[in-house]
N, C-alpha and C. Protein backbone atom coordinates (compact mmCIF):
# COMPACT_ATOMS: atom_id res chain seq x y z
N UNK A 1 0.84 -1.17 0.00
CA UNK A 1 0.00 0.00 0.00
C UNK A 1 0.90 1.24 0.00
N UNK A 2 0.59 2.19 -0.86
CA UNK A 2 1.31 3.46 -0.90
C UNK A 2 0.27 4.58 -0.97
N UNK A 3 0.69 5.80 -0.60
CA UNK A 3 -0.21 6.95 -0.68
C UNK A 3 0.58 8.18 -1.06
N UNK A 4 -0.14 9.17 -1.60
CA UNK A 4 0.44 10.48 -1.91
C UNK A 4 -0.29 11.53 -1.09
N UNK A 5 0.40 12.63 -0.79
CA UNK A 5 -0.17 13.71 0.01
C UNK A 5 -0.45 14.89 -0.92
N UNK A 6 -1.70 15.35 -0.91
CA UNK A 6 -2.11 16.50 -1.70
C UNK A 6 -2.80 17.51 -0.79
N UNK A 7 -2.87 18.75 -1.24
CA UNK A 7 -3.61 19.80 -0.54
C UNK A 7 -4.60 20.41 -1.51
N UNK A 8 -5.77 20.78 -1.00
CA UNK A 8 -6.79 21.38 -1.85
C UNK A 8 -6.25 22.61 -2.55
N UNK A 9 -6.46 22.69 -3.85
CA UNK A 9 -6.02 23.83 -4.62
C UNK A 9 -4.57 23.80 -5.06
N UNK A 10 -3.83 22.78 -4.67
CA UNK A 10 -2.43 22.64 -5.07
C UNK A 10 -2.37 21.48 -6.05
N UNK A 11 -1.86 21.73 -7.23
CA UNK A 11 -1.92 20.74 -8.29
C UNK A 11 -0.78 19.74 -8.34
N UNK A 12 -0.08 19.56 -7.28
CA UNK A 12 1.01 18.59 -7.26
C UNK A 12 1.10 17.95 -5.88
N UNK A 13 1.70 16.76 -5.84
CA UNK A 13 1.81 16.06 -4.56
C UNK A 13 2.86 16.72 -3.67
N UNK A 14 2.57 16.74 -2.38
CA UNK A 14 3.48 17.33 -1.40
C UNK A 14 4.33 16.28 -0.71
N UNK A 15 3.96 15.04 -0.88
CA UNK A 15 4.71 13.95 -0.25
C UNK A 15 4.05 12.63 -0.52
N UNK A 16 4.56 11.61 0.11
CA UNK A 16 3.99 10.29 -0.08
C UNK A 16 4.59 9.31 0.91
N UNK A 17 4.05 8.12 0.89
CA UNK A 17 4.56 7.10 1.79
C UNK A 17 3.84 5.80 1.59
N UNK A 18 4.03 4.91 2.53
CA UNK A 18 3.36 3.62 2.43
C UNK A 18 3.99 2.57 3.31
N UNK A 19 3.69 1.35 2.95
CA UNK A 19 4.20 0.19 3.67
C UNK A 19 5.32 -0.42 2.85
N UNK A 20 6.44 -0.70 3.49
CA UNK A 20 7.64 -1.17 2.79
C UNK A 20 8.18 -2.41 3.48
N UNK A 21 7.41 -3.49 3.45
CA UNK A 21 7.75 -4.68 4.21
C UNK A 21 9.08 -5.32 3.83
N UNK A 22 9.45 -5.27 2.56
CA UNK A 22 10.65 -5.99 2.14
C UNK A 22 11.83 -5.07 1.86
N UNK A 23 11.66 -3.78 2.03
CA UNK A 23 12.74 -2.84 1.74
C UNK A 23 13.92 -3.03 2.68
N UNK A 24 13.67 -3.14 3.96
CA UNK A 24 14.76 -3.30 4.93
C UNK A 24 15.48 -4.63 4.70
N UNK A 25 14.74 -5.65 4.22
CA UNK A 25 15.34 -6.95 3.94
C UNK A 25 16.45 -6.90 2.92
N UNK A 26 16.46 -5.89 2.08
CA UNK A 26 17.55 -5.74 1.10
C UNK A 26 18.87 -5.43 1.79
N UNK A 27 18.80 -4.91 3.01
CA UNK A 27 20.01 -4.51 3.73
C UNK A 27 20.25 -5.38 4.96
N UNK A 28 19.51 -6.44 5.10
CA UNK A 28 19.64 -7.31 6.27
C UNK A 28 18.43 -8.20 6.38
N UNK A 29 17.88 -8.28 7.54
CA UNK A 29 16.73 -9.16 7.78
C UNK A 29 15.42 -8.43 7.45
N UNK A 30 14.44 -9.18 6.93
CA UNK A 30 13.13 -8.63 6.59
C UNK A 30 12.40 -8.15 7.84
N UNK A 31 11.91 -6.92 7.81
CA UNK A 31 11.11 -6.37 8.90
C UNK A 31 9.94 -5.60 8.31
N UNK A 32 8.75 -5.73 8.87
CA UNK A 32 7.64 -4.90 8.39
C UNK A 32 7.92 -3.44 8.74
N UNK A 33 7.62 -2.54 7.82
CA UNK A 33 7.88 -1.12 8.10
C UNK A 33 6.94 -0.24 7.31
N UNK A 34 6.78 0.97 7.79
CA UNK A 34 6.01 1.99 7.10
C UNK A 34 6.82 3.28 7.13
N UNK A 35 6.47 4.21 6.27
CA UNK A 35 7.18 5.48 6.27
C UNK A 35 6.49 6.48 5.37
N UNK A 36 6.92 7.72 5.50
CA UNK A 36 6.43 8.76 4.60
C UNK A 36 7.49 9.84 4.51
N UNK A 37 7.36 10.68 3.48
CA UNK A 37 8.29 11.79 3.29
C UNK A 37 7.50 12.97 2.74
N UNK A 38 7.92 14.16 3.12
CA UNK A 38 7.34 15.39 2.60
C UNK A 38 8.41 16.11 1.81
N UNK A 39 8.04 16.65 0.66
CA UNK A 39 8.95 17.46 -0.14
C UNK A 39 8.88 18.88 0.43
N UNK A 40 9.91 19.28 1.16
CA UNK A 40 9.87 20.56 1.88
C UNK A 40 9.76 21.75 0.93
N UNK A 41 10.45 21.72 -0.21
CA UNK A 41 10.33 22.82 -1.17
C UNK A 41 8.89 22.98 -1.63
N UNK A 42 8.27 21.88 -2.01
CA UNK A 42 6.88 21.93 -2.46
C UNK A 42 5.95 22.35 -1.32
N UNK A 43 6.21 21.87 -0.13
CA UNK A 43 5.38 22.22 1.02
C UNK A 43 5.42 23.72 1.29
N UNK A 44 6.61 24.31 1.27
CA UNK A 44 6.72 25.75 1.52
C UNK A 44 6.11 26.56 0.38
N UNK A 45 6.27 26.11 -0.87
CA UNK A 45 5.63 26.81 -1.99
C UNK A 45 4.11 26.76 -1.84
N UNK A 46 3.59 25.61 -1.42
CA UNK A 46 2.14 25.47 -1.22
C UNK A 46 1.66 26.37 -0.10
N UNK A 47 2.44 26.46 0.97
CA UNK A 47 2.06 27.32 2.09
C UNK A 47 2.00 28.78 1.66
N UNK A 48 2.95 29.22 0.83
CA UNK A 48 2.93 30.60 0.34
C UNK A 48 1.68 30.86 -0.48
N UNK A 49 1.32 29.90 -1.33
CA UNK A 49 0.11 30.07 -2.16
C UNK A 49 -1.13 30.12 -1.29
N UNK A 50 -1.22 29.26 -0.31
CA UNK A 50 -2.40 29.20 0.55
C UNK A 50 -2.53 30.46 1.38
N UNK A 51 -1.42 30.99 1.91
CA UNK A 51 -1.48 32.20 2.73
C UNK A 51 -2.04 33.37 1.95
N UNK A 52 -1.81 33.40 0.62
CA UNK A 52 -2.32 34.51 -0.18
C UNK A 52 -3.82 34.45 -0.39
N UNK A 53 -4.41 33.25 -0.36
CA UNK A 53 -5.81 33.14 -0.69
C UNK A 53 -6.72 32.65 0.41
N UNK A 54 -6.20 32.29 1.54
CA UNK A 54 -7.01 31.72 2.61
C UNK A 54 -6.74 32.46 3.91
N UNK A 55 -7.64 32.33 4.88
CA UNK A 55 -7.39 32.96 6.18
C UNK A 55 -6.10 32.45 6.80
N UNK A 56 -5.44 33.31 7.51
CA UNK A 56 -4.17 32.92 8.13
C UNK A 56 -4.43 32.13 9.41
N UNK A 57 -3.38 31.58 9.94
CA UNK A 57 -3.49 30.78 11.16
C UNK A 57 -3.07 31.60 12.37
N UNK A 58 -3.45 32.87 12.39
CA UNK A 58 -3.08 33.72 13.51
C UNK A 58 -3.73 33.24 14.80
N UNK A 59 -3.03 33.44 15.88
CA UNK A 59 -3.55 33.06 17.20
C UNK A 59 -4.13 34.29 17.88
N UNK A 60 -5.18 34.07 18.66
CA UNK A 60 -5.71 35.17 19.46
C UNK A 60 -4.88 35.38 20.72
N UNK A 61 -4.32 34.32 21.26
CA UNK A 61 -3.55 34.40 22.50
C UNK A 61 -2.15 33.82 22.32
N UNK A 62 -1.16 34.51 22.86
CA UNK A 62 0.16 33.93 23.09
C UNK A 62 0.29 33.84 24.60
N UNK A 63 0.56 32.64 25.11
CA UNK A 63 0.77 32.46 26.55
C UNK A 63 2.24 32.14 26.75
N UNK A 64 2.88 32.91 27.61
CA UNK A 64 4.30 32.73 27.91
C UNK A 64 4.47 32.44 29.39
N UNK A 65 5.34 31.48 29.70
CA UNK A 65 5.57 31.14 31.11
C UNK A 65 6.94 30.49 31.25
N UNK A 66 7.58 30.67 32.41
CA UNK A 66 8.83 29.95 32.67
C UNK A 66 8.54 28.46 32.83
N UNK A 67 9.55 27.65 32.64
CA UNK A 67 9.39 26.19 32.65
C UNK A 67 8.71 25.69 33.92
N UNK A 68 8.98 26.30 35.04
CA UNK A 68 8.38 25.80 36.29
C UNK A 68 6.86 26.04 36.34
N UNK A 69 6.34 26.85 35.43
CA UNK A 69 4.89 27.11 35.36
C UNK A 69 4.28 26.51 34.09
N UNK A 70 5.01 25.59 33.45
CA UNK A 70 4.53 25.01 32.19
C UNK A 70 3.20 24.28 32.36
N UNK A 71 3.02 23.55 33.46
CA UNK A 71 1.75 22.85 33.68
C UNK A 71 0.58 23.83 33.71
N UNK A 72 0.77 24.94 34.40
CA UNK A 72 -0.28 25.95 34.49
C UNK A 72 -0.55 26.55 33.11
N UNK A 73 0.53 26.77 32.34
CA UNK A 73 0.39 27.32 31.00
C UNK A 73 -0.46 26.39 30.13
N UNK A 74 -0.21 25.09 30.22
CA UNK A 74 -0.98 24.13 29.43
C UNK A 74 -2.45 24.12 29.86
N UNK A 75 -2.72 24.26 31.15
CA UNK A 75 -4.10 24.30 31.65
C UNK A 75 -4.84 25.53 31.12
N UNK A 76 -4.17 26.68 31.18
CA UNK A 76 -4.78 27.92 30.70
C UNK A 76 -5.00 27.83 29.19
N UNK A 77 -4.03 27.32 28.46
CA UNK A 77 -4.18 27.14 27.02
C UNK A 77 -5.36 26.25 26.68
N UNK A 78 -5.50 25.16 27.40
CA UNK A 78 -6.62 24.24 27.18
C UNK A 78 -7.96 24.92 27.45
N UNK A 79 -8.03 25.72 28.51
CA UNK A 79 -9.25 26.45 28.85
C UNK A 79 -9.66 27.37 27.68
N UNK A 80 -8.69 28.08 27.13
CA UNK A 80 -8.98 29.00 26.02
C UNK A 80 -9.34 28.24 24.75
N UNK A 81 -8.63 27.16 24.47
CA UNK A 81 -8.94 26.36 23.27
C UNK A 81 -10.34 25.76 23.33
N UNK A 82 -10.77 25.37 24.51
CA UNK A 82 -12.12 24.80 24.65
C UNK A 82 -13.20 25.82 24.31
N UNK A 83 -12.87 27.09 24.37
CA UNK A 83 -13.80 28.15 23.99
C UNK A 83 -13.60 28.59 22.54
N UNK A 84 -12.76 27.86 21.81
CA UNK A 84 -12.60 28.13 20.39
C UNK A 84 -11.49 29.09 20.03
N UNK A 85 -10.69 29.52 20.99
CA UNK A 85 -9.60 30.44 20.69
C UNK A 85 -8.39 29.67 20.17
N UNK A 86 -7.63 30.32 19.31
CA UNK A 86 -6.34 29.78 18.89
C UNK A 86 -5.29 30.27 19.87
N UNK A 87 -4.46 29.36 20.33
CA UNK A 87 -3.49 29.67 21.38
C UNK A 87 -2.11 29.16 20.97
N UNK A 88 -1.11 30.01 21.13
CA UNK A 88 0.29 29.60 20.98
C UNK A 88 0.92 29.70 22.36
N UNK A 89 1.72 28.70 22.72
CA UNK A 89 2.36 28.69 24.03
C UNK A 89 3.87 28.77 23.85
N UNK A 90 4.52 29.53 24.74
CA UNK A 90 5.98 29.68 24.69
C UNK A 90 6.55 29.53 26.08
N UNK A 91 7.44 28.57 26.23
CA UNK A 91 8.13 28.38 27.51
C UNK A 91 9.40 29.21 27.46
N UNK A 92 9.63 30.00 28.52
CA UNK A 92 10.83 30.84 28.59
C UNK A 92 11.73 30.33 29.72
N UNK A 93 13.00 30.64 29.63
CA UNK A 93 13.96 30.15 30.63
C UNK A 93 13.63 30.66 32.02
N UNK A 94 13.31 31.94 32.14
CA UNK A 94 12.98 32.51 33.45
C UNK A 94 12.16 33.78 33.24
N UNK A 95 11.41 34.20 34.25
CA UNK A 95 10.61 35.41 34.11
C UNK A 95 11.46 36.66 34.35
N UNK A 96 12.49 36.85 33.57
CA UNK A 96 13.42 37.96 33.75
C UNK A 96 12.77 39.31 33.56
N UNK A 97 13.60 40.34 33.67
CA UNK A 97 13.09 41.70 33.60
C UNK A 97 12.39 42.00 32.29
N UNK A 98 12.88 41.43 31.18
CA UNK A 98 12.27 41.75 29.90
C UNK A 98 11.38 40.63 29.38
N UNK A 99 10.87 39.79 30.28
CA UNK A 99 9.98 38.69 29.86
C UNK A 99 8.76 39.24 29.13
N UNK A 100 8.22 40.35 29.63
CA UNK A 100 7.04 40.95 28.99
C UNK A 100 7.40 41.43 27.60
N UNK A 101 8.52 42.14 27.46
CA UNK A 101 8.94 42.65 26.16
C UNK A 101 9.16 41.55 25.14
N UNK A 102 9.82 40.46 25.55
CA UNK A 102 10.05 39.34 24.63
C UNK A 102 8.74 38.67 24.24
N UNK A 103 7.85 38.48 25.21
CA UNK A 103 6.56 37.85 24.91
C UNK A 103 5.73 38.72 23.97
N UNK A 104 5.73 40.03 24.20
CA UNK A 104 4.97 40.93 23.34
C UNK A 104 5.55 40.95 21.93
N UNK A 105 6.87 40.94 21.81
CA UNK A 105 7.49 40.90 20.48
C UNK A 105 7.06 39.64 19.73
N UNK A 106 7.05 38.51 20.41
CA UNK A 106 6.63 37.26 19.77
C UNK A 106 5.14 37.29 19.45
N UNK A 107 4.32 37.80 20.36
CA UNK A 107 2.89 37.92 20.10
C UNK A 107 2.60 38.82 18.92
N UNK A 108 3.34 39.91 18.81
CA UNK A 108 3.19 40.82 17.69
C UNK A 108 3.56 40.13 16.38
N UNK A 109 4.66 39.39 16.41
CA UNK A 109 5.11 38.67 15.22
C UNK A 109 4.06 37.66 14.76
N UNK A 110 3.38 37.02 15.72
CA UNK A 110 2.37 36.01 15.40
C UNK A 110 1.01 36.61 15.07
N UNK A 111 0.84 37.91 15.30
CA UNK A 111 -0.45 38.54 15.06
C UNK A 111 -1.47 38.25 16.15
N UNK A 112 -1.00 37.94 17.36
CA UNK A 112 -1.90 37.63 18.47
C UNK A 112 -2.65 38.88 18.91
N UNK A 113 -3.84 38.69 19.45
CA UNK A 113 -4.62 39.80 19.99
C UNK A 113 -4.27 40.10 21.43
N UNK A 114 -3.77 39.09 22.15
CA UNK A 114 -3.41 39.28 23.56
C UNK A 114 -2.21 38.41 23.90
N UNK A 115 -1.36 38.96 24.75
CA UNK A 115 -0.21 38.22 25.27
C UNK A 115 -0.44 38.02 26.76
N UNK A 116 -0.35 36.77 27.20
CA UNK A 116 -0.59 36.41 28.60
C UNK A 116 0.72 35.89 29.17
N UNK A 117 1.18 36.51 30.26
CA UNK A 117 2.44 36.10 30.90
C UNK A 117 2.09 35.49 32.25
N UNK A 118 2.41 34.22 32.42
CA UNK A 118 2.18 33.51 33.68
C UNK A 118 3.48 33.41 34.45
N UNK A 119 3.37 33.26 35.76
CA UNK A 119 4.55 33.01 36.59
C UNK A 119 5.38 34.23 36.91
N UNK A 120 4.85 35.42 36.67
CA UNK A 120 5.58 36.64 37.01
C UNK A 120 5.56 36.84 38.52
N UNK A 121 6.68 37.29 39.10
CA UNK A 121 6.68 37.56 40.54
C UNK A 121 5.76 38.73 40.92
N UNK A 122 5.27 39.47 39.93
CA UNK A 122 4.41 40.63 40.20
C UNK A 122 2.94 40.26 40.38
N UNK A 123 2.58 38.98 40.16
CA UNK A 123 1.17 38.60 40.25
C UNK A 123 0.99 37.37 41.14
N UNK A 124 -0.23 37.20 41.64
CA UNK A 124 -0.57 36.03 42.46
C UNK A 124 -0.69 34.80 41.56
N UNK A 125 -0.78 33.63 42.18
CA UNK A 125 -0.83 32.37 41.44
C UNK A 125 -2.05 32.27 40.53
N UNK A 126 -3.16 32.93 40.90
CA UNK A 126 -4.38 32.85 40.09
C UNK A 126 -4.52 34.04 39.14
N UNK A 127 -3.41 34.77 38.92
CA UNK A 127 -3.42 35.94 38.04
C UNK A 127 -2.38 35.79 36.94
N UNK A 128 -2.52 36.65 35.94
CA UNK A 128 -1.55 36.72 34.85
C UNK A 128 -1.36 38.18 34.48
N UNK A 129 -0.23 38.47 33.87
CA UNK A 129 -0.05 39.78 33.25
C UNK A 129 -0.55 39.66 31.82
N UNK A 130 -1.35 40.63 31.38
CA UNK A 130 -1.93 40.58 30.04
C UNK A 130 -1.65 41.89 29.33
N UNK A 131 -1.21 41.79 28.08
CA UNK A 131 -1.00 42.96 27.23
C UNK A 131 -1.88 42.77 26.01
N UNK A 132 -2.77 43.73 25.76
CA UNK A 132 -3.64 43.66 24.59
C UNK A 132 -3.38 44.78 23.59
N UNK A 133 -2.59 45.76 23.99
CA UNK A 133 -2.28 46.87 23.09
C UNK A 133 -0.78 46.92 22.90
N UNK A 134 -0.34 46.58 21.70
CA UNK A 134 1.08 46.61 21.39
C UNK A 134 1.23 46.83 19.90
N UNK A 135 2.41 47.30 19.47
CA UNK A 135 2.60 47.59 18.06
C UNK A 135 2.57 46.31 17.22
N UNK A 136 1.94 46.41 16.04
CA UNK A 136 1.89 45.30 15.11
C UNK A 136 2.28 45.79 13.72
N UNK A 137 2.40 44.87 12.81
CA UNK A 137 2.73 45.21 11.43
C UNK A 137 4.05 45.95 11.34
N UNK A 138 4.11 47.04 10.54
CA UNK A 138 5.38 47.76 10.37
C UNK A 138 5.91 48.39 11.66
N UNK A 139 5.02 48.64 12.63
CA UNK A 139 5.43 49.25 13.89
C UNK A 139 5.93 48.23 14.91
N UNK A 140 5.88 46.95 14.58
CA UNK A 140 6.18 45.89 15.56
C UNK A 140 7.57 46.01 16.17
N UNK A 141 8.53 46.52 15.43
CA UNK A 141 9.88 46.61 15.96
C UNK A 141 10.14 47.82 16.83
N UNK A 142 9.21 48.76 16.87
CA UNK A 142 9.42 49.99 17.64
C UNK A 142 9.36 49.73 19.13
N UNK A 143 10.17 50.46 19.84
CA UNK A 143 10.18 50.35 21.29
C UNK A 143 9.08 51.25 21.85
N UNK A 144 8.18 50.68 22.62
CA UNK A 144 7.10 51.45 23.23
C UNK A 144 6.98 51.04 24.69
N UNK A 145 6.35 51.90 25.48
CA UNK A 145 6.12 51.56 26.88
C UNK A 145 4.88 50.67 26.93
N UNK A 146 5.08 49.45 27.42
CA UNK A 146 3.98 48.50 27.51
C UNK A 146 3.28 48.64 28.85
N UNK A 147 2.00 48.41 28.86
CA UNK A 147 1.23 48.52 30.09
C UNK A 147 0.51 47.20 30.37
N UNK A 148 1.25 46.21 30.90
CA UNK A 148 0.57 44.94 31.22
C UNK A 148 -0.41 45.14 32.37
N UNK A 149 -1.54 44.45 32.28
CA UNK A 149 -2.56 44.53 33.33
C UNK A 149 -2.61 43.20 34.07
N UNK A 150 -2.89 43.27 35.37
CA UNK A 150 -3.13 42.05 36.15
C UNK A 150 -4.56 41.61 35.88
N UNK A 151 -4.70 40.34 35.52
CA UNK A 151 -6.02 39.79 35.23
C UNK A 151 -6.12 38.42 35.90
N UNK A 152 -7.26 38.15 36.53
CA UNK A 152 -7.51 36.81 37.08
C UNK A 152 -7.57 35.84 35.90
N UNK A 153 -6.95 34.69 36.05
CA UNK A 153 -6.91 33.73 34.95
C UNK A 153 -8.32 33.35 34.50
N UNK A 154 -9.24 33.20 35.42
CA UNK A 154 -10.62 32.84 35.05
C UNK A 154 -11.29 33.94 34.22
N UNK A 155 -10.78 35.18 34.31
CA UNK A 155 -11.37 36.29 33.57
C UNK A 155 -10.76 36.48 32.18
N UNK A 156 -9.80 35.65 31.80
CA UNK A 156 -9.22 35.77 30.46
C UNK A 156 -10.28 35.60 29.37
N UNK A 157 -11.28 34.78 29.66
CA UNK A 157 -12.35 34.54 28.67
C UNK A 157 -13.20 35.77 28.44
N UNK A 158 -13.14 36.75 29.35
CA UNK A 158 -13.96 37.95 29.24
C UNK A 158 -13.22 39.12 28.58
N UNK A 159 -11.98 38.90 28.18
CA UNK A 159 -11.23 39.98 27.53
C UNK A 159 -11.85 40.29 26.17
N UNK A 160 -11.81 41.56 25.76
CA UNK A 160 -12.34 41.92 24.43
C UNK A 160 -11.33 41.54 23.34
N UNK A 161 -11.30 40.26 23.00
CA UNK A 161 -10.33 39.74 22.04
C UNK A 161 -10.92 39.76 20.64
N UNK A 162 -10.13 40.24 19.70
CA UNK A 162 -10.53 40.21 18.30
C UNK A 162 -10.29 38.80 17.78
N UNK A 163 -11.36 38.15 17.36
CA UNK A 163 -11.23 36.80 16.79
C UNK A 163 -10.82 36.94 15.33
N UNK A 164 -9.86 36.14 14.94
CA UNK A 164 -9.44 36.14 13.54
C UNK A 164 -10.48 35.40 12.72
N UNK A 165 -10.67 35.79 11.45
CA UNK A 165 -11.76 35.26 10.65
C UNK A 165 -11.80 33.74 10.55
N UNK A 166 -10.67 33.08 10.64
CA UNK A 166 -10.67 31.64 10.46
C UNK A 166 -10.78 30.88 11.77
N UNK A 167 -11.01 31.58 12.87
CA UNK A 167 -11.13 30.91 14.17
C UNK A 167 -12.45 30.16 14.26
N UNK A 168 -12.41 29.05 14.96
CA UNK A 168 -13.64 28.30 15.24
C UNK A 168 -14.35 29.03 16.38
N UNK A 169 -15.62 29.22 16.24
CA UNK A 169 -16.39 29.79 17.34
C UNK A 169 -17.32 28.71 17.83
N UNK A 170 -17.15 28.31 19.07
CA UNK A 170 -17.97 27.26 19.65
C UNK A 170 -19.00 27.89 20.57
N UNK A 171 -20.19 27.31 20.62
CA UNK A 171 -21.19 27.86 21.53
C UNK A 171 -20.76 27.70 22.98
N UNK A 172 -21.14 28.66 23.82
CA UNK A 172 -20.79 28.60 25.24
C UNK A 172 -21.67 27.62 25.97
């Protein structure tokens, strides 16, 4: 059995694979095996074409936390995803002085509507620092004074977040 990988609107295969039971036997003993491969050049060309004509995969939330708060970050991400939000998570080495700046820069790059920083020494365990106003697009590289707000984690769902057109909206 073999298969090819195609994407809607792309007129060429992006990869393929299948079952190769006797292939390994050519180099030693016969073993059942399966495998697949993606043509990275074709995959990236297809992604460029799709980005021009389809909604992007922008996230509404970027959640950043130091490794010791990774479990909490995953819980918060799951809570937001269950409500239909797109979430990107970033583990940082430590909540240093510029943790907010680095998280906002990454959120801006991703087109996120809100950046959530967990594990900051400035907030309680049930709170997060949240930034919803930051430079995007051509202004993303500019240095600005950020104003993170303390928000209860349970209240993240009540933030006025701009949903990207391709986001799933699930009933409450």
